[in-house]
Amino acid sequence: MVRLYAVTGGRTAPTTRLAMEALVSSATSARLGLSYIREYRAISELCHQIRSVAEISALLGIPLGVARVLISDMESEGLVRVHHPHSDARGPDRVLLERVLSGLHRL
């Protein structure tokens, strides 16, 4: 078993800003082959349905920081698409926060 810090190369922050409520979808309908690490394959499979970063973290049982790093890396490789939430200077929309809370309760 490989420790998660080894999978991320010891990195704790993604290369791009990635909110926990950002939605992620797979960029391909094909399954990733064995040339990709297990975590990439699992994320890709989960993201055939659009999922939030927080949801991916919870479903895979990995820390949110690790999920952010992996998803950011996958986005830069063109394996997933990240749909960033819109927010203004006041912060996230109340409806969005309620949807996130509802999703967390379902987990």
PDB file of N, CA and C in Angstrom:
ATOM      1  N   MET A   1       0.836  -1.179   0.000  1.00  0.00           N
ATOM      2  CA  MET A   1       0.000   0.000   0.000  1.00  0.00           C
ATOM      3  C   MET A   1       0.887   1.250   0.000  1.00  0.00           C
ATOM      4  N   VAL A   2       0.584   2.192  -0.884  1.00  0.00           N
ATOM      5  CA  VAL A   2       1.367   3.419  -1.007  1.00  0.00           C
ATOM      6  C   VAL A   2       0.703   4.512  -0.171  1.00  0.00           C
ATOM      7  N   ARG A   3       1.491   5.195   0.629  1.00  0.00           N
ATOM      8  CA  ARG A   3       0.945   6.304   1.414  1.00  0.00           C
ATOM      9  C   ARG A   3       0.579   7.455   0.487  1.00  0.00           C
ATOM     10  N   LEU A   4      -0.482   8.159   0.851  1.00  0.00           N
ATOM     11  CA  LEU A   4      -0.995   9.206  -0.022  1.00  0.00           C
ATOM     12  C   LEU A   4      -0.007  10.331  -0.272  1.00  0.00           C
ATOM     13  N   TYR A   5       0.844  10.642   0.705  1.00  0.00           N
ATOM     14  CA  TYR A   5       1.813  11.717   0.465  1.00  0.00           C
ATOM     15  C   TYR A   5       2.802  11.309  -0.620  1.00  0.00           C
ATOM     16  N   ALA A   6       3.012  10.021  -0.791  1.00  0.00           N
ATOM     17  CA  ALA A   6       3.896   9.555  -1.859  1.00  0.00           C
ATOM     18  C   ALA A   6       3.211   9.710  -3.220  1.00  0.00           C
ATOM     19  N   VAL A   7       1.907   9.521  -3.256  1.00  0.00           N
ATOM     20  CA  VAL A   7       1.147   9.661  -4.496  1.00  0.00           C
ATOM     21  C   VAL A   7       1.169  11.105  -4.974  1.00  0.00           C
ATOM     22  N   THR A   8       1.124  12.050  -4.045  1.00  0.00           N
ATOM     23  CA  THR A   8       1.119  13.472  -4.420  1.00  0.00           C
ATOM     24  C   THR A   8       2.529  14.052  -4.460  1.00  0.00           C
ATOM     25  N   GLY A   9       3.522  13.251  -4.224  1.00  0.00           N
ATOM     26  CA  GLY A   9       4.897  13.740  -4.217  1.00  0.00           C
ATOM     27  C   GLY A   9       5.172  14.663  -3.044  1.00  0.00           C
ATOM     28  N   GLY A  10       4.403  14.506  -1.973  1.00  0.00           N
ATOM     29  CA  GLY A  10       4.571  15.333  -0.785  1.00  0.00           C
ATOM     30  C   GLY A  10       3.876  16.679  -0.877  1.00  0.00           C
ATOM     31  N   ARG A  11       3.245  16.966  -2.028  1.00  0.00           N
ATOM     32  CA  ARG A  11       2.563  18.250  -2.189  1.00  0.00           C
ATOM     33  C   ARG A  11       1.253  18.263  -1.410  1.00  0.00           C
ATOM     34  N   THR A  12       0.952  19.385  -0.801  1.00  0.00           N
ATOM     35  CA  THR A  12      -0.293  19.523  -0.040  1.00  0.00           C
ATOM     36  C   THR A  12      -1.233  20.549  -0.645  1.00  0.00           C
ATOM     37  N   ALA A  13      -0.769  21.270  -1.664  1.00  0.00           N
ATOM     38  CA  ALA A  13      -1.602  22.283  -2.311  1.00  0.00           C
ATOM     39  C   ALA A  13      -1.651  22.014  -3.812  1.00  0.00           C
ATOM     40  N   PRO A  14      -2.827  22.175  -4.420  1.00  0.00           N
ATOM     41  CA  PRO A  14      -2.939  21.967  -5.869  1.00  0.00           C
ATOM     42  C   PRO A  14      -2.209  23.065  -6.639  1.00  0.00           C
ATOM     43  N   THR A  15      -1.906  22.795  -7.892  1.00  0.00           N
ATOM     44  CA  THR A  15      -1.198  23.778  -8.718  1.00  0.00           C
ATOM     45  C   THR A  15      -2.113  24.931  -9.118  1.00  0.00           C
ATOM     46  N   THR A  16      -3.415  24.711  -9.102  1.00  0.00           N
ATOM     47  CA  THR A  16      -4.388  25.765  -9.380  1.00  0.00           C
ATOM     48  C   THR A  16      -5.381  25.831  -8.227  1.00  0.00           C
ATOM     49  N   ARG A  17      -6.001  26.983  -8.061  1.00  0.00           N
ATOM     50  CA  ARG A  17      -6.992  27.144  -6.992  1.00  0.00           C
ATOM     51  C   ARG A  17      -8.172  26.221  -7.284  1.00  0.00           C
ATOM     52  N   LEU A  18      -8.542  25.414  -6.314  1.00  0.00           N
ATOM     53  CA  LEU A  18      -9.589  24.419  -6.516  1.00  0.00           C
ATOM     54  C   LEU A  18     -10.490  24.389  -5.289  1.00  0.00           C
ATOM     55  N   ALA A  19     -11.679  24.949  -5.430  1.00  0.00           N
ATOM     56  CA  ALA A  19     -12.635  25.007  -4.327  1.00  0.00           C
ATOM     57  C   ALA A  19     -13.236  23.632  -4.086  1.00  0.00           C
ATOM     58  N   MET A  20     -13.580  23.352  -2.841  1.00  0.00           N
ATOM     59  CA  MET A  20     -14.152  22.042  -2.523  1.00  0.00           C
ATOM     60  C   MET A  20     -15.510  21.835  -3.182  1.00  0.00           C
ATOM     61  N   GLU A  21     -16.194  22.925  -3.551  1.00  0.00           N
ATOM     62  CA  GLU A  21     -17.488  22.793  -4.205  1.00  0.00           C
ATOM     63  C   GLU A  21     -17.394  22.781  -5.724  1.00  0.00           C
ATOM     64  N   ALA A  22     -16.173  22.891  -6.259  1.00  0.00           N
ATOM     65  CA  ALA A  22     -15.986  22.826  -7.709  1.00  0.00           C
ATOM     66  C   ALA A  22     -16.468  21.474  -8.210  1.00  0.00           C
ATOM     67  N   LEU A  23     -17.087  21.485  -9.375  1.00  0.00           N
ATOM     68  CA  LEU A  23     -17.619  20.255  -9.955  1.00  0.00           C
ATOM     69  C   LEU A  23     -16.618  19.675 -10.942  1.00  0.00           C
ATOM     70  N   VAL A  24     -16.496  18.359 -10.926  1.00  0.00           N
ATOM     71  CA  VAL A  24     -15.498  17.672 -11.739  1.00  0.00           C
ATOM     72  C   VAL A  24     -16.200  16.631 -12.602  1.00  0.00           C
ATOM     73  N   SER A  25     -15.837  16.590 -13.882  1.00  0.00           N
ATOM     74  CA  SER A  25     -16.360  15.570 -14.781  1.00  0.00           C
ATOM     75  C   SER A  25     -15.200  14.939 -15.534  1.00  0.00           C
ATOM     76  N   SER A  26     -15.382  13.692 -15.917  1.00  0.00           N
ATOM     77  CA  SER A  26     -14.351  12.987 -16.663  1.00  0.00           C
ATOM     78  C   SER A  26     -14.253  13.580 -18.060  1.00  0.00           C
ATOM     79  N   ALA A  27     -13.055  13.738 -18.572  1.00  0.00           N
ATOM     80  CA  ALA A  27     -12.848  14.296 -19.906  1.00  0.00           C
ATOM     81  C   ALA A  27     -12.928  13.213 -20.979  1.00  0.00           C
ATOM     82  N   THR A  28     -13.046  11.965 -20.569  1.00  0.00           N
ATOM     83  CA  THR A  28     -13.113  10.862 -21.518  1.00  0.00           C
ATOM     84  C   THR A  28     -14.147   9.846 -21.055  1.00  0.00           C
ATOM     85  N   SER A  29     -14.785   9.192 -22.002  1.00  0.00           N
ATOM     86  CA  SER A  29     -15.749   8.153 -21.633  1.00  0.00           C
ATOM     87  C   SER A  29     -15.057   6.801 -21.475  1.00  0.00           C
ATOM     88  N   ALA A  30     -13.817   6.713 -21.937  1.00  0.00           N
ATOM     89  CA  ALA A  30     -13.063   5.466 -21.825  1.00  0.00           C
ATOM     90  C   ALA A  30     -12.475   5.321 -20.417  1.00  0.00           C
ATOM     91  N   ARG A  31     -12.248   4.085 -20.033  1.00  0.00           N
ATOM     92  CA  ARG A  31     -11.595   3.823 -18.750  1.00  0.00           C
ATOM     93  C   ARG A  31     -10.106   4.089 -18.900  1.00  0.00           C
ATOM     94  N   LEU A  32      -9.519   4.662 -17.850  1.00  0.00           N
ATOM     95  CA  LEU A  32      -8.073   4.885 -17.872  1.00  0.00           C
ATOM     96  C   LEU A  32      -7.361   3.552 -17.714  1.00  0.00           C
ATOM     97  N   GLY A  33      -6.283   3.371 -18.431  1.00  0.00           N
ATOM     98  CA  GLY A  33      -5.542   2.118 -18.397  1.00  0.00           C
ATOM     99  C   GLY A  33      -4.612   2.023 -17.199  1.00  0.00           C
ATOM    100  N   LEU A  34      -3.917   0.917 -17.122  1.00  0.00           N
ATOM    101  CA  LEU A  34      -3.017   0.642 -16.006  1.00  0.00           C
ATOM    102  C   LEU A  34      -1.780   1.536 -15.998  1.00  0.00           C
ATOM    103  N   SER A  35      -1.590   2.311 -17.049  1.00  0.00           N
ATOM    104  CA  SER A  35      -0.454   3.240 -17.053  1.00  0.00           C
ATOM    105  C   SER A  35      -0.693   4.419 -16.106  1.00  0.00           C
ATOM    106  N   TYR A  36      -1.936   4.572 -15.635  1.00  0.00           N
ATOM    107  CA  TYR A  36      -2.279   5.625 -14.671  1.00  0.00           C
ATOM    108  C   TYR A  36      -2.361   5.038 -13.265  1.00  0.00           C
ATOM    109  N   ILE A  37      -2.072   5.871 -12.273  1.00  0.00           N
ATOM    110  CA  ILE A  37      -2.127   5.389 -10.888  1.00  0.00           C
ATOM    111  C   ILE A  37      -3.571   5.070 -10.504  1.00  0.00           C
ATOM    112  N   ARG A  38      -3.705   4.218  -9.517  1.00  0.00           N
ATOM    113  CA  ARG A  38      -5.012   3.736  -9.061  1.00  0.00           C
ATOM    114  C   ARG A  38      -5.945   4.888  -8.708  1.00  0.00           C
ATOM    115  N   GLU A  39      -5.434   5.918  -8.053  1.00  0.00           N
ATOM    116  CA  GLU A  39      -6.256   7.050  -7.636  1.00  0.00           C
ATOM    117  C   GLU A  39      -6.810   7.812  -8.842  1.00  0.00           C
ATOM    118  N   TYR A  40      -6.010   7.977  -9.885  1.00  0.00           N
ATOM    119  CA  TYR A  40      -6.491   8.626 -11.108  1.00  0.00           C
ATOM    120  C   TYR A  40      -7.629   7.811 -11.718  1.00  0.00           C
ATOM    121  N   ARG A  41      -7.449   6.499 -11.768  1.00  0.00           N
ATOM    122  CA  ARG A  41      -8.482   5.641 -12.352  1.00  0.00           C
ATOM    123  C   ARG A  41      -9.775   5.720 -11.544  1.00  0.00           C
ATOM    124  N   ALA A  42      -9.656   5.744 -10.217  1.00  0.00           N
ATOM    125  CA  ALA A  42     -10.842   5.822  -9.352  1.00  0.00           C
ATOM    126  C   ALA A  42     -11.560   7.158  -9.527  1.00  0.00           C
ATOM    127  N   ILE A  43     -10.807   8.248  -9.572  1.00  0.00           N
ATOM    128  CA  ILE A  43     -11.410   9.571  -9.759  1.00  0.00           C
ATOM    129  C   ILE A  43     -12.096   9.648 -11.116  1.00  0.00           C
ATOM    130  N   SER A  44     -11.439   9.153 -12.144  1.00  0.00           N
ATOM    131  CA  SER A  44     -12.019   9.176 -13.483  1.00  0.00           C
ATOM    132  C   SER A  44     -13.334   8.406 -13.523  1.00  0.00           C
ATOM    133  N   GLU A  45     -13.371   7.242 -12.896  1.00  0.00           N
ATOM    134  CA  GLU A  45     -14.601   6.437 -12.855  1.00  0.00           C
ATOM    135  C   GLU A  45     -15.717   7.181 -12.129  1.00  0.00           C
ATOM    136  N   LEU A  46     -15.398   7.755 -10.974  1.00  0.00           N
ATOM    137  CA  LEU A  46     -16.402   8.502 -10.213  1.00  0.00           C
ATOM    138  C   LEU A  46     -16.954   9.670 -11.016  1.00  0.00           C
ATOM    139  N   CYS A  47     -16.103  10.288 -11.811  1.00  0.00           N
ATOM    140  CA  CYS A  47     -16.473  11.525 -12.492  1.00  0.00           C
ATOM    141  C   CYS A  47     -17.186  11.307 -13.823  1.00  0.00           C
ATOM    142  N   HIS A  48     -17.574  10.059 -14.107  1.00  0.00           N
ATOM    143  CA  HIS A  48     -18.471   9.874 -15.243  1.00  0.00           C
ATOM    144  C   HIS A  48     -19.815  10.510 -14.915  1.00  0.00           C
ATOM    145  N   GLN A  49     -20.092  10.658 -13.629  1.00  0.00           N
ATOM    146  CA  GLN A  49     -21.175  11.507 -13.141  1.00  0.00           C
ATOM    147  C   GLN A  49     -20.494  12.721 -12.541  1.00  0.00           C
ATOM    148  N   ILE A  50     -21.052  13.899 -12.750  1.00  0.00           N
ATOM    149  CA  ILE A  50     -20.425  15.101 -12.210  1.00  0.00           C
ATOM    150  C   ILE A  50     -20.450  15.051 -10.689  1.00  0.00           C
ATOM    151  N   ARG A  51     -19.294  15.293 -10.089  1.00  0.00           N
ATOM    152  CA  ARG A  51     -19.148  15.242  -8.631  1.00  0.00           C
ATOM    153  C   ARG A  51     -18.369  16.464  -8.158  1.00  0.00           C
ATOM    154  N   SER A  52     -18.604  16.842  -6.904  1.00  0.00           N
ATOM    155  CA  SER A  52     -17.818  17.934  -6.324  1.00  0.00           C
ATOM    156  C   SER A  52     -16.494  17.374  -5.816  1.00  0.00           C
ATOM    157  N   VAL A  53     -15.541  18.260  -5.638  1.00  0.00           N
ATOM    158  CA  VAL A  53     -14.240  17.857  -5.095  1.00  0.00           C
ATOM    159  C   VAL A  53     -14.434  17.225  -3.714  1.00  0.00           C
ATOM    160  N   ALA A  54     -15.287  17.828  -2.892  1.00  0.00           N
ATOM    161  CA  ALA A  54     -15.550  17.293  -1.550  1.00  0.00           C
ATOM    162  C   ALA A  54     -16.167  15.903  -1.621  1.00  0.00           C
ATOM    163  N   GLU A  55     -17.057  15.701  -2.560  1.00  0.00           N
ATOM    164  CA  GLU A  55     -17.706  14.402  -2.725  1.00  0.00           C
ATOM    165  C   GLU A  55     -16.694  13.336  -3.151  1.00  0.00           C
ATOM    166  N   ILE A  56     -15.806  13.676  -4.058  1.00  0.00           N
ATOM    167  CA  ILE A  56     -14.763  12.740  -4.497  1.00  0.00           C
ATOM    168  C   ILE A  56     -13.898  12.347  -3.307  1.00  0.00           C
ATOM    169  N   SER A  57     -13.503  13.330  -2.521  1.00  0.00           N
ATOM    170  CA  SER A  57     -12.698  13.075  -1.334  1.00  0.00           C
ATOM    171  C   SER A  57     -13.401  12.104  -0.392  1.00  0.00           C
ATOM    172  N   ALA A  58     -14.666  12.368  -0.125  1.00  0.00           N
ATOM    173  CA  ALA A  58     -15.426  11.528   0.807  1.00  0.00           C
ATOM    174  C   ALA A  58     -15.638  10.121   0.260  1.00  0.00           C
ATOM    175  N   LEU A  59     -16.006  10.007  -1.003  1.00  0.00           N
ATOM    176  CA  LEU A  59     -16.281   8.687  -1.585  1.00  0.00           C
ATOM    177  C   LEU A  59     -15.027   7.819  -1.666  1.00  0.00           C
ATOM    178  N   LEU A  60     -13.882   8.441  -1.896  1.00  0.00           N
ATOM    179  CA  LEU A  60     -12.629   7.676  -1.968  1.00  0.00           C
ATOM    180  C   LEU A  60     -11.968   7.502  -0.609  1.00  0.00           C
ATOM    181  N   GLY A  61     -12.462   8.244   0.387  1.00  0.00           N
ATOM    182  CA  GLY A  61     -11.880   8.142   1.728  1.00  0.00           C
ATOM    183  C   GLY A  61     -10.472   8.705   1.807  1.00  0.00           C
ATOM    184  N   ILE A  62     -10.225   9.771   1.040  1.00  0.00           N
ATOM    185  CA  ILE A  62      -8.911  10.408   1.065  1.00  0.00           C
ATOM    186  C   ILE A  62      -9.074  11.838   1.577  1.00  0.00           C
ATOM    187  N   PRO A  63      -8.035  12.401   2.183  1.00  0.00           N
ATOM    188  CA  PRO A  63      -8.127  13.782   2.663  1.00  0.00           C
ATOM    189  C   PRO A  63      -8.429  14.759   1.524  1.00  0.00           C
ATOM    190  N   LEU A  64      -9.145  15.824   1.857  1.00  0.00           N
ATOM    191  CA  LEU A  64      -9.530  16.825   0.866  1.00  0.00           C
ATOM    192  C   LEU A  64      -8.318  17.423   0.160  1.00  0.00           C
ATOM    193  N   GLY A  65      -7.247  17.687   0.892  1.00  0.00           N
ATOM    194  CA  GLY A  65      -6.038  18.247   0.282  1.00  0.00           C
ATOM    195  C   GLY A  65      -5.437  17.331  -0.766  1.00  0.00           C
ATOM    196  N   VAL A  66      -5.444  16.042  -0.490  1.00  0.00           N
ATOM    197  CA  VAL A  66      -4.920  15.060  -1.446  1.00  0.00           C
ATOM    198  C   VAL A  66      -5.806  15.023  -2.682  1.00  0.00           C
ATOM    199  N   ALA A  67      -7.117  15.033  -2.474  1.00  0.00           N
ATOM    200  CA  ALA A  67      -8.052  15.025  -3.601  1.00  0.00           C
ATOM    201  C   ALA A  67      -7.826  16.256  -4.479  1.00  0.00           C
ATOM    202  N   ARG A  68      -7.636  17.412  -3.856  1.00  0.00           N
ATOM    203  CA  ARG A  68      -7.400  18.644  -4.619  1.00  0.00           C
ATOM    204  C   ARG A  68      -6.141  18.538  -5.474  1.00  0.00           C
ATOM    205  N   VAL A  69      -5.068  18.017  -4.903  1.00  0.00           N
ATOM    206  CA  VAL A  69      -3.813  17.873  -5.650  1.00  0.00           C
ATOM    207  C   VAL A  69      -3.999  16.924  -6.829  1.00  0.00           C
ATOM    208  N   LEU A  70      -4.612  15.775  -6.589  1.00  0.00           N
ATOM    209  CA  LEU A  70      -4.801  14.787  -7.651  1.00  0.00           C
ATOM    210  C   LEU A  70      -5.697  15.328  -8.763  1.00  0.00           C
ATOM    211  N   ILE A  71      -6.807  15.961  -8.389  1.00  0.00           N
ATOM    212  CA  ILE A  71      -7.734  16.493  -9.392  1.00  0.00           C
ATOM    213  C   ILE A  71      -7.070  17.608 -10.194  1.00  0.00           C
ATOM    214  N   SER A  72      -6.319  18.458  -9.526  1.00  0.00           N
ATOM    215  CA  SER A  72      -5.600  19.532 -10.221  1.00  0.00           C
ATOM    216  C   SER A  72      -4.605  18.948 -11.220  1.00  0.00           C
ATOM    217  N   ASP A  73      -3.883  17.919 -10.811  1.00  0.00           N
ATOM    218  CA  ASP A  73      -2.930  17.262 -11.712  1.00  0.00           C
ATOM    219  C   ASP A  73      -3.655  16.626 -12.900  1.00  0.00           C
ATOM    220  N   MET A  74      -4.793  15.992 -12.617  1.00  0.00           N
ATOM    221  CA  MET A  74      -5.558  15.351 -13.682  1.00  0.00           C
ATOM    222  C   MET A  74      -6.109  16.384 -14.660  1.00  0.00           C
ATOM    223  N   GLU A  75      -6.511  17.545 -14.139  1.00  0.00           N
ATOM    224  CA  GLU A  75      -7.005  18.603 -15.019  1.00  0.00           C
ATOM    225  C   GLU A  75      -5.889  19.078 -15.944  1.00  0.00           C
ATOM    226  N   SER A  76      -4.689  19.250 -15.407  1.00  0.00           N
ATOM    227  CA  SER A  76      -3.572  19.727 -16.236  1.00  0.00           C
ATOM    228  C   SER A  76      -3.173  18.702 -17.295  1.00  0.00           C
ATOM    229  N   GLU A  77      -3.478  17.430 -17.046  1.00  0.00           N
ATOM    230  CA  GLU A  77      -3.186  16.373 -18.033  1.00  0.00           C
ATOM    231  C   GLU A  77      -4.355  16.148 -18.992  1.00  0.00           C
ATOM    232  N   GLY A  78      -5.456  16.874 -18.799  1.00  0.00           N
ATOM    233  CA  GLY A  78      -6.611  16.743 -19.685  1.00  0.00           C
ATOM    234  C   GLY A  78      -7.475  15.528 -19.401  1.00  0.00           C
ATOM    235  N   LEU A  79      -7.358  14.957 -18.206  1.00  0.00           N
ATOM    236  CA  LEU A  79      -8.117  13.759 -17.863  1.00  0.00           C
ATOM    237  C   LEU A  79      -9.493  14.068 -17.273  1.00  0.00           C
ATOM    238  N   VAL A  80      -9.619  15.229 -16.642  1.00  0.00           N
ATOM    239  CA  VAL A  80     -10.899  15.673 -16.091  1.00  0.00           C
ATOM    240  C   VAL A  80     -11.125  17.136 -16.452  1.00  0.00           C
ATOM    241  N   ARG A  81     -12.380  17.538 -16.373  1.00  0.00           N
ATOM    242  CA  ARG A  81     -12.747  18.944 -16.537  1.00  0.00           C
ATOM    243  C   ARG A  81     -13.232  19.452 -15.188  1.00  0.00           C
ATOM    244  N   VAL A  82     -12.784  20.622 -14.810  1.00  0.00           N
ATOM    245  CA  VAL A  82     -13.212  21.228 -13.541  1.00  0.00           C
ATOM    246  C   VAL A  82     -14.072  22.439 -13.871  1.00  0.00           C
ATOM    247  N   HIS A  83     -15.248  22.471 -13.270  1.00  0.00           N
ATOM    248  CA  HIS A  83     -16.193  23.564 -13.459  1.00  0.00           C
ATOM    249  C   HIS A  83     -16.190  24.364 -12.167  1.00  0.00           C
ATOM    250  N   HIS A  84     -15.519  25.506 -12.209  1.00  0.00           N
ATOM    251  CA  HIS A  84     -15.343  26.325 -11.013  1.00  0.00           C
ATOM    252  C   HIS A  84     -16.623  27.086 -10.691  1.00  0.00           C
ATOM    253  N   PRO A  85     -16.977  27.184  -9.411  1.00  0.00           N
ATOM    254  CA  PRO A  85     -18.191  27.926  -9.032  1.00  0.00           C
ATOM    255  C   PRO A  85     -17.995  29.422  -9.245  1.00  0.00           C
ATOM    256  N   HIS A  86     -19.094  30.087  -9.527  1.00  0.00           N
ATOM    257  CA  HIS A  86     -19.055  31.543  -9.671  1.00  0.00           C
ATOM    258  C   HIS A  86     -19.316  32.163  -8.306  1.00  0.00           C
ATOM    259  N   SER A  87     -18.482  33.103  -7.944  1.00  0.00           N
ATOM    260  CA  SER A  87     -18.711  33.835  -6.698  1.00  0.00           C
ATOM    261  C   SER A  87     -18.285  35.273  -6.914  1.00  0.00           C
ATOM    262  N   ASP A  88     -18.850  36.134  -6.116  1.00  0.00           N
ATOM    263  CA  ASP A  88     -18.474  37.534  -6.222  1.00  0.00           C
ATOM    264  C   ASP A  88     -17.730  37.947  -4.955  1.00  0.00           C
ATOM    265  N   ALA A  89     -17.526  39.218  -4.786  1.00  0.00           N
ATOM    266  CA  ALA A  89     -16.754  39.719  -3.650  1.00  0.00           C
ATOM    267  C   ALA A  89     -17.402  39.395  -2.308  1.00  0.00           C
ATOM    268  N   ARG A  90     -18.712  39.147  -2.314  1.00  0.00           N
ATOM    269  CA  ARG A  90     -19.414  38.837  -1.062  1.00  0.00           C
ATOM    270  C   ARG A  90     -19.221  37.389  -0.631  1.00  0.00           C
ATOM    271  N   GLY A  91     -18.687  36.569  -1.496  1.00  0.00           N
ATOM    272  CA  GLY A  91     -18.495  35.165  -1.174  1.00  0.00           C
ATOM    273  C   GLY A  91     -19.452  34.284  -1.955  1.00  0.00           C
ATOM    274  N   PRO A  92     -19.505  32.998  -1.636  1.00  0.00           N
ATOM    275  CA  PRO A  92     -20.353  32.067  -2.380  1.00  0.00           C
ATOM    276  C   PRO A  92     -21.841  32.375  -2.177  1.00  0.00           C
ATOM    277  N   ASP A  93     -22.606  31.980  -3.160  1.00  0.00           N
ATOM    278  CA  ASP A  93     -24.048  32.146  -3.142  1.00  0.00           C
ATOM    279  C   ASP A  93     -24.678  31.250  -2.064  1.00  0.00           C
ATOM    280  N   ARG A  94     -25.689  31.748  -1.395  1.00  0.00           N
ATOM    281  CA  ARG A  94     -26.357  30.999  -0.328  1.00  0.00           C
ATOM    282  C   ARG A  94     -26.961  29.691  -0.855  1.00  0.00           C
ATOM    283  N   VAL A  95     -27.530  29.735  -2.051  1.00  0.00           N
ATOM    284  CA  VAL A  95     -28.119  28.532  -2.637  1.00  0.00           C
ATOM    285  C   VAL A  95     -27.045  27.464  -2.841  1.00  0.00           C
ATOM    286  N   LEU A  96     -25.878  27.873  -3.303  1.00  0.00           N
ATOM    287  CA  LEU A  96     -24.768  26.940  -3.492  1.00  0.00           C
ATOM    288  C   LEU A  96     -24.362  26.309  -2.163  1.00  0.00           C
ATOM    289  N   LEU A  97     -24.227  27.124  -1.134  1.00  0.00           N
ATOM    290  CA  LEU A  97     -23.853  26.603   0.181  1.00  0.00           C
ATOM    291  C   LEU A  97     -24.890  25.615   0.700  1.00  0.00           C
ATOM    292  N   GLU A  98     -26.164  25.888   0.467  1.00  0.00           N
ATOM    293  CA  GLU A  98     -27.224  24.972   0.899  1.00  0.00           C
ATOM    294  C   GLU A  98     -27.145  23.646   0.135  1.00  0.00           C
ATOM    295  N   ARG A  99     -26.811  23.717  -1.164  1.00  0.00           N
ATOM    296  CA  ARG A  99     -26.664  22.482  -1.942  1.00  0.00           C
ATOM    297  C   ARG A  99     -25.475  21.662  -1.453  1.00  0.00           C
ATOM    298  N   VAL A 100     -24.373  22.328  -1.142  1.00  0.00           N
ATOM    299  CA  VAL A 100     -23.194  21.627  -0.623  1.00  0.00           C
ATOM    300  C   VAL A 100     -23.530  20.964   0.709  1.00  0.00           C
ATOM    301  N   LEU A 101     -24.184  21.692   1.590  1.00  0.00           N
ATOM    302  CA  LEU A 101     -24.568  21.137   2.894  1.00  0.00           C
ATOM    303  C   LEU A 101     -25.503  19.948   2.725  1.00  0.00           C
ATOM    304  N   SER A 102     -26.451  20.069   1.816  1.00  0.00           N
ATOM    305  CA  SER A 102     -27.369  18.963   1.560  1.00  0.00           C
ATOM    306  C   SER A 102     -26.615  17.740   1.053  1.00  0.00           C
ATOM    307  N   GLY A 103     -25.652  17.966   0.153  1.00  0.00           N
ATOM    308  CA  GLY A 103     -24.846  16.852  -0.357  1.00  0.00           C
ATOM    309  C   GLY A 103     -24.013  16.200   0.715  1.00  0.00           C
ATOM    310  N   LEU A 104     -23.475  16.996   1.623  1.00  0.00           N
ATOM    311  CA  LEU A 104     -22.689  16.433   2.728  1.00  0.00           C
ATOM    312  C   LEU A 104     -23.559  15.613   3.659  1.00  0.00           C
ATOM    313  N   HIS A 105     -24.786  16.063   3.885  1.00  0.00           N
ATOM    314  CA  HIS A 105     -25.710  15.290   4.724  1.00  0.00           C
ATOM    315  C   HIS A 105     -26.039  13.937   4.090  1.00  0.00           C
ATOM    316  N   ARG A 106     -26.129  13.898   2.753  1.00  0.00           N
ATOM    317  CA  ARG A 106     -26.447  12.634   2.063  1.00  0.00           C
ATOM    318  C   ARG A 106     -25.298  11.645   2.167  1.00  0.00           C
ATOM    319  N   LEU A 107     -24.075  12.137   2.327  1.00  0.00           N
ATOM    320  CA  LEU A 107     -22.913  11.244   2.436  1.00  0.00           C
ATOM    321  C   LEU A 107     -22.978  10.512   3.749  1.00  0.00           C
TER     322      LEU A 107
END
